[in-house]
Amino acid sequence: MMKRTKSSLRSDFLEYVKLYLTYYKKALATMVNATVSSWHGRKISPVYYYLNYLKEPDWKSLVIRGEKEFGEKQDIWERRIEVARQR
């Protein structure tokens, strides 16, 4: 039996990782496209799909304790959008 060198093993491993990532990149793209193109009223998350009594939270009501920077930037952005709508 022929002994494999570290370089050969590394090369084979990198080739495997490359194929693995290519496959999962395609699978992820397929899932994202299906999610984006699905009907807006359909529950996407499996948690909410299987547990019908749960309701998805309104993203605006989610607050991170001690984190005000994002909220303040969001408020500024919403005010700009409102000004643009009024014009």
N, C-alpha and C. Protein backbone atom coordinates (compact mmCIF):
# COMPACT_ATOMS: atom_id res chain seq x y z
N MET A 1 0.83 -1.18 0.00
CA MET A 1 0.00 0.00 0.00
C MET A 1 0.88 1.26 0.00
N MET A 2 0.45 2.23 -0.76
CA MET A 2 1.22 3.47 -0.87
C MET A 2 0.85 4.41 0.27
N LYS A 3 1.88 4.95 0.91
CA LYS A 3 1.66 5.88 2.00
C LYS A 3 1.36 7.27 1.44
N ARG A 4 0.36 7.91 2.00
CA ARG A 4 -0.02 9.24 1.51
C ARG A 4 0.72 10.31 2.30
N THR A 5 1.09 11.34 1.61
CA THR A 5 1.81 12.44 2.24
C THR A 5 0.83 13.43 2.84
N LYS A 6 1.33 14.25 3.74
CA LYS A 6 0.48 15.28 4.35
C LYS A 6 -0.07 16.22 3.29
N SER A 7 0.76 16.53 2.32
CA SER A 7 0.34 17.42 1.24
C SER A 7 -0.81 16.81 0.44
N SER A 8 -0.72 15.53 0.18
CA SER A 8 -1.77 14.83 -0.56
C SER A 8 -3.07 14.79 0.24
N LEU A 9 -2.95 14.50 1.54
CA LEU A 9 -4.14 14.46 2.40
C LEU A 9 -4.77 15.84 2.49
N ARG A 10 -3.95 16.85 2.62
CA ARG A 10 -4.45 18.23 2.71
C ARG A 10 -5.17 18.61 1.41
N SER A 11 -4.60 18.26 0.30
CA SER A 11 -5.20 18.56 -1.00
C SER A 11 -6.56 17.86 -1.14
N ASP A 12 -6.62 16.60 -0.75
CA ASP A 12 -7.89 15.85 -0.81
C ASP A 12 -8.93 16.46 0.12
N PHE A 13 -8.48 16.85 1.32
CA PHE A 13 -9.40 17.46 2.27
C PHE A 13 -9.94 18.78 1.74
N LEU A 14 -9.08 19.61 1.18
CA LEU A 14 -9.53 20.89 0.63
C LEU A 14 -10.49 20.70 -0.53
N GLU A 15 -10.24 19.69 -1.34
CA GLU A 15 -11.16 19.38 -2.45
C GLU A 15 -12.53 18.95 -1.91
N TYR A 16 -12.52 18.15 -0.86
CA TYR A 16 -13.77 17.71 -0.23
C TYR A 16 -14.53 18.92 0.33
N VAL A 17 -13.82 19.79 1.02
CA VAL A 17 -14.47 20.98 1.59
C VAL A 17 -15.05 21.85 0.48
N LYS A 18 -14.33 22.00 -0.59
CA LYS A 18 -14.80 22.81 -1.73
C LYS A 18 -16.10 22.22 -2.30
N LEU A 19 -16.14 20.91 -2.50
CA LEU A 19 -17.36 20.27 -3.01
C LEU A 19 -18.51 20.40 -2.02
N TYR A 20 -18.21 20.20 -0.75
CA TYR A 20 -19.22 20.31 0.32
C TYR A 20 -19.83 21.71 0.34
N LEU A 21 -18.98 22.73 0.32
CA LEU A 21 -19.47 24.10 0.36
C LEU A 21 -20.25 24.47 -0.90
N THR A 22 -19.82 23.97 -2.04
CA THR A 22 -20.54 24.22 -3.29
C THR A 22 -21.95 23.64 -3.21
N TYR A 23 -22.06 22.41 -2.72
CA TYR A 23 -23.37 21.76 -2.60
C TYR A 23 -24.26 22.54 -1.65
N TYR A 24 -23.75 22.90 -0.47
CA TYR A 24 -24.58 23.59 0.51
C TYR A 24 -24.88 25.03 0.11
N LYS A 25 -24.01 25.64 -0.65
CA LYS A 25 -24.29 26.99 -1.17
C LYS A 25 -25.50 26.94 -2.11
N LYS A 26 -25.53 25.90 -2.97
CA LYS A 26 -26.67 25.74 -3.88
C LYS A 26 -27.94 25.43 -3.11
N ALA A 27 -27.83 24.56 -2.09
CA ALA A 27 -29.00 24.21 -1.28
C ALA A 27 -29.54 25.43 -0.53
N LEU A 28 -28.64 26.24 0.01
CA LEU A 28 -29.05 27.44 0.73
C LEU A 28 -29.70 28.44 -0.22
N ALA A 29 -29.15 28.60 -1.41
CA ALA A 29 -29.74 29.51 -2.39
C ALA A 29 -31.14 29.05 -2.79
N THR A 30 -31.33 27.75 -2.95
CA THR A 30 -32.64 27.21 -3.28
C THR A 30 -33.64 27.50 -2.17
N MET A 31 -33.22 27.30 -0.91
CA MET A 31 -34.11 27.56 0.22
C MET A 31 -34.46 29.04 0.32
N VAL A 32 -33.48 29.91 0.14
CA VAL A 32 -33.73 31.35 0.22
C VAL A 32 -34.68 31.79 -0.88
N ASN A 33 -34.47 31.32 -2.10
CA ASN A 33 -35.37 31.68 -3.20
C ASN A 33 -36.79 31.19 -2.94
N ALA A 34 -36.94 29.99 -2.41
CA ALA A 34 -38.27 29.47 -2.10
C ALA A 34 -38.93 30.31 -1.01
N THR A 35 -38.16 30.73 -0.02
CA THR A 35 -38.70 31.55 1.07
C THR A 35 -39.14 32.91 0.55
N VAL A 36 -38.29 33.55 -0.24
CA VAL A 36 -38.60 34.88 -0.75
C VAL A 36 -39.81 34.87 -1.68
N SER A 37 -39.94 33.83 -2.49
CA SER A 37 -41.03 33.79 -3.46
C SER A 37 -42.31 33.17 -2.91
N SER A 38 -42.30 32.75 -1.65
CA SER A 38 -43.51 32.14 -1.09
C SER A 38 -44.56 33.21 -0.80
N TRP A 39 -45.78 32.78 -0.65
CA TRP A 39 -46.89 33.69 -0.36
C TRP A 39 -46.65 34.36 0.98
N HIS A 40 -46.90 35.67 1.07
CA HIS A 40 -46.57 36.43 2.27
C HIS A 40 -47.33 35.98 3.51
N GLY A 41 -48.47 35.33 3.34
CA GLY A 41 -49.26 34.90 4.49
C GLY A 41 -48.85 33.54 5.04
N ARG A 42 -47.99 32.85 4.33
CA ARG A 42 -47.56 31.51 4.77
C ARG A 42 -46.51 31.65 5.86
N LYS A 43 -46.65 30.82 6.90
CA LYS A 43 -45.67 30.82 7.96
C LYS A 43 -44.43 30.09 7.47
N ILE A 44 -43.30 30.76 7.51
CA ILE A 44 -42.06 30.21 6.98
C ILE A 44 -41.36 29.35 8.03
N SER A 45 -41.30 29.82 9.24
CA SER A 45 -40.56 29.13 10.28
C SER A 45 -41.23 27.80 10.63
N PRO A 46 -40.48 26.71 10.69
CA PRO A 46 -41.07 25.43 11.08
C PRO A 46 -41.67 25.47 12.48
N VAL A 47 -41.10 26.29 13.35
CA VAL A 47 -41.63 26.39 14.71
C VAL A 47 -43.07 26.91 14.66
N TYR A 48 -43.28 27.99 13.93
CA TYR A 48 -44.61 28.57 13.84
C TYR A 48 -45.54 27.73 12.98
N TYR A 49 -44.99 26.98 12.05
CA TYR A 49 -45.79 26.11 11.19
C TYR A 49 -46.39 24.96 11.99
N TYR A 50 -45.57 24.32 12.82
CA TYR A 50 -46.04 23.16 13.57
C TYR A 50 -46.74 23.51 14.87
N LEU A 51 -46.47 24.67 15.42
CA LEU A 51 -47.12 25.11 16.65
C LEU A 51 -48.05 26.26 16.30
N ASN A 52 -49.22 25.91 15.78
CA ASN A 52 -50.16 26.91 15.24
C ASN A 52 -50.60 27.96 16.25
N TYR A 53 -50.57 27.63 17.52
CA TYR A 53 -51.03 28.58 18.53
C TYR A 53 -50.01 29.70 18.79
N LEU A 54 -48.79 29.53 18.33
CA LEU A 54 -47.78 30.58 18.47
C LEU A 54 -47.96 31.64 17.39
N LYS A 55 -47.74 32.87 17.75
CA LYS A 55 -47.80 33.96 16.79
C LYS A 55 -46.41 34.57 16.67
N GLU A 56 -46.01 34.86 15.43
CA GLU A 56 -44.72 35.49 15.23
C GLU A 56 -44.77 36.91 15.80
N PRO A 57 -43.73 37.33 16.53
CA PRO A 57 -43.75 38.68 17.11
C PRO A 57 -43.56 39.74 16.04
N ASP A 58 -44.13 40.89 16.29
CA ASP A 58 -43.91 42.04 15.42
C ASP A 58 -42.47 42.48 15.61
N TRP A 59 -41.73 42.61 14.53
CA TRP A 59 -40.30 42.91 14.65
C TRP A 59 -40.05 44.24 15.34
N LYS A 60 -41.00 45.16 15.25
CA LYS A 60 -40.82 46.47 15.89
C LYS A 60 -40.92 46.38 17.40
N SER A 61 -41.59 45.34 17.89
CA SER A 61 -41.77 45.21 19.34
C SER A 61 -40.60 44.49 20.01
N LEU A 62 -39.70 43.96 19.23
CA LEU A 62 -38.55 43.26 19.81
C LEU A 62 -37.53 44.29 20.29
N VAL A 63 -37.18 44.21 21.54
CA VAL A 63 -36.27 45.19 22.14
C VAL A 63 -35.11 44.44 22.80
N ILE A 64 -33.92 44.94 22.59
CA ILE A 64 -32.75 44.38 23.24
C ILE A 64 -32.41 45.29 24.41
N ARG A 65 -32.38 44.73 25.60
CA ARG A 65 -32.09 45.54 26.79
C ARG A 65 -30.74 46.22 26.67
N GLY A 66 -30.72 47.49 27.00
CA GLY A 66 -29.47 48.23 26.98
C GLY A 66 -29.01 48.65 25.60
N GLU A 67 -29.74 48.27 24.57
CA GLU A 67 -29.32 48.61 23.21
C GLU A 67 -30.27 49.67 22.66
N LYS A 68 -29.80 50.89 22.62
CA LYS A 68 -30.64 51.98 22.14
C LYS A 68 -30.19 52.49 20.78
N GLU A 69 -28.96 52.20 20.40
CA GLU A 69 -28.41 52.74 19.17
C GLU A 69 -29.25 52.32 17.96
N PHE A 70 -29.56 51.03 17.87
CA PHE A 70 -30.33 50.55 16.72
C PHE A 70 -31.71 51.19 16.70
N GLY A 71 -32.38 51.24 17.86
CA GLY A 71 -33.71 51.83 17.93
C GLY A 71 -33.74 53.28 17.51
N GLU A 72 -32.72 54.01 17.94
CA GLU A 72 -32.64 55.43 17.57
C GLU A 72 -32.43 55.59 16.07
N LYS A 73 -31.55 54.78 15.49
CA LYS A 73 -31.33 54.84 14.04
C LYS A 73 -32.59 54.44 13.28
N GLN A 74 -33.30 53.47 13.81
CA GLN A 74 -34.55 53.03 13.19
C GLN A 74 -35.59 54.15 13.22
N ASP A 75 -35.70 54.84 14.35
CA ASP A 75 -36.64 55.97 14.46
C ASP A 75 -36.31 57.07 13.46
N ILE A 76 -35.03 57.38 13.33
CA ILE A 76 -34.60 58.41 12.37
C ILE A 76 -34.97 57.99 10.96
N TRP A 77 -34.71 56.73 10.63
CA TRP A 77 -35.03 56.21 9.30
C TRP A 77 -36.54 56.28 9.04
N GLU A 78 -37.36 55.88 10.03
CA GLU A 78 -38.81 55.92 9.86
C GLU A 78 -39.30 57.36 9.66
N ARG A 79 -38.72 58.31 10.37
CA ARG A 79 -39.12 59.71 10.19
C ARG A 79 -38.78 60.19 8.78
N ARG A 80 -37.63 59.79 8.27
CA ARG A 80 -37.25 60.17 6.90
C ARG A 80 -38.22 59.58 5.89
N ILE A 81 -38.60 58.34 6.10
CA ILE A 81 -39.56 57.69 5.19
C ILE A 81 -40.89 58.43 5.24
N GLU A 82 -41.33 58.81 6.42
CA GLU A 82 -42.61 59.52 6.57
C GLU A 82 -42.55 60.88 5.88
N VAL A 83 -41.44 61.59 6.01
CA VAL A 83 -41.27 62.89 5.34
C VAL A 83 -41.33 62.69 3.82
N ALA A 84 -40.67 61.67 3.32
CA ALA A 84 -40.67 61.39 1.89
C ALA A 84 -42.07 61.06 1.40
N ARG A 85 -42.85 60.35 2.20
CA ARG A 85 -44.24 60.01 1.81
C ARG A 85 -45.11 61.26 1.72
N GLN A 86 -44.86 62.23 2.59
CA GLN A 86 -45.68 63.42 2.62
C GLN A 86 -45.37 64.38 1.47
N ARG A 87 -44.24 64.24 0.84
CA ARG A 87 -43.85 65.15 -0.25
C ARG A 87 -44.54 64.81 -1.52
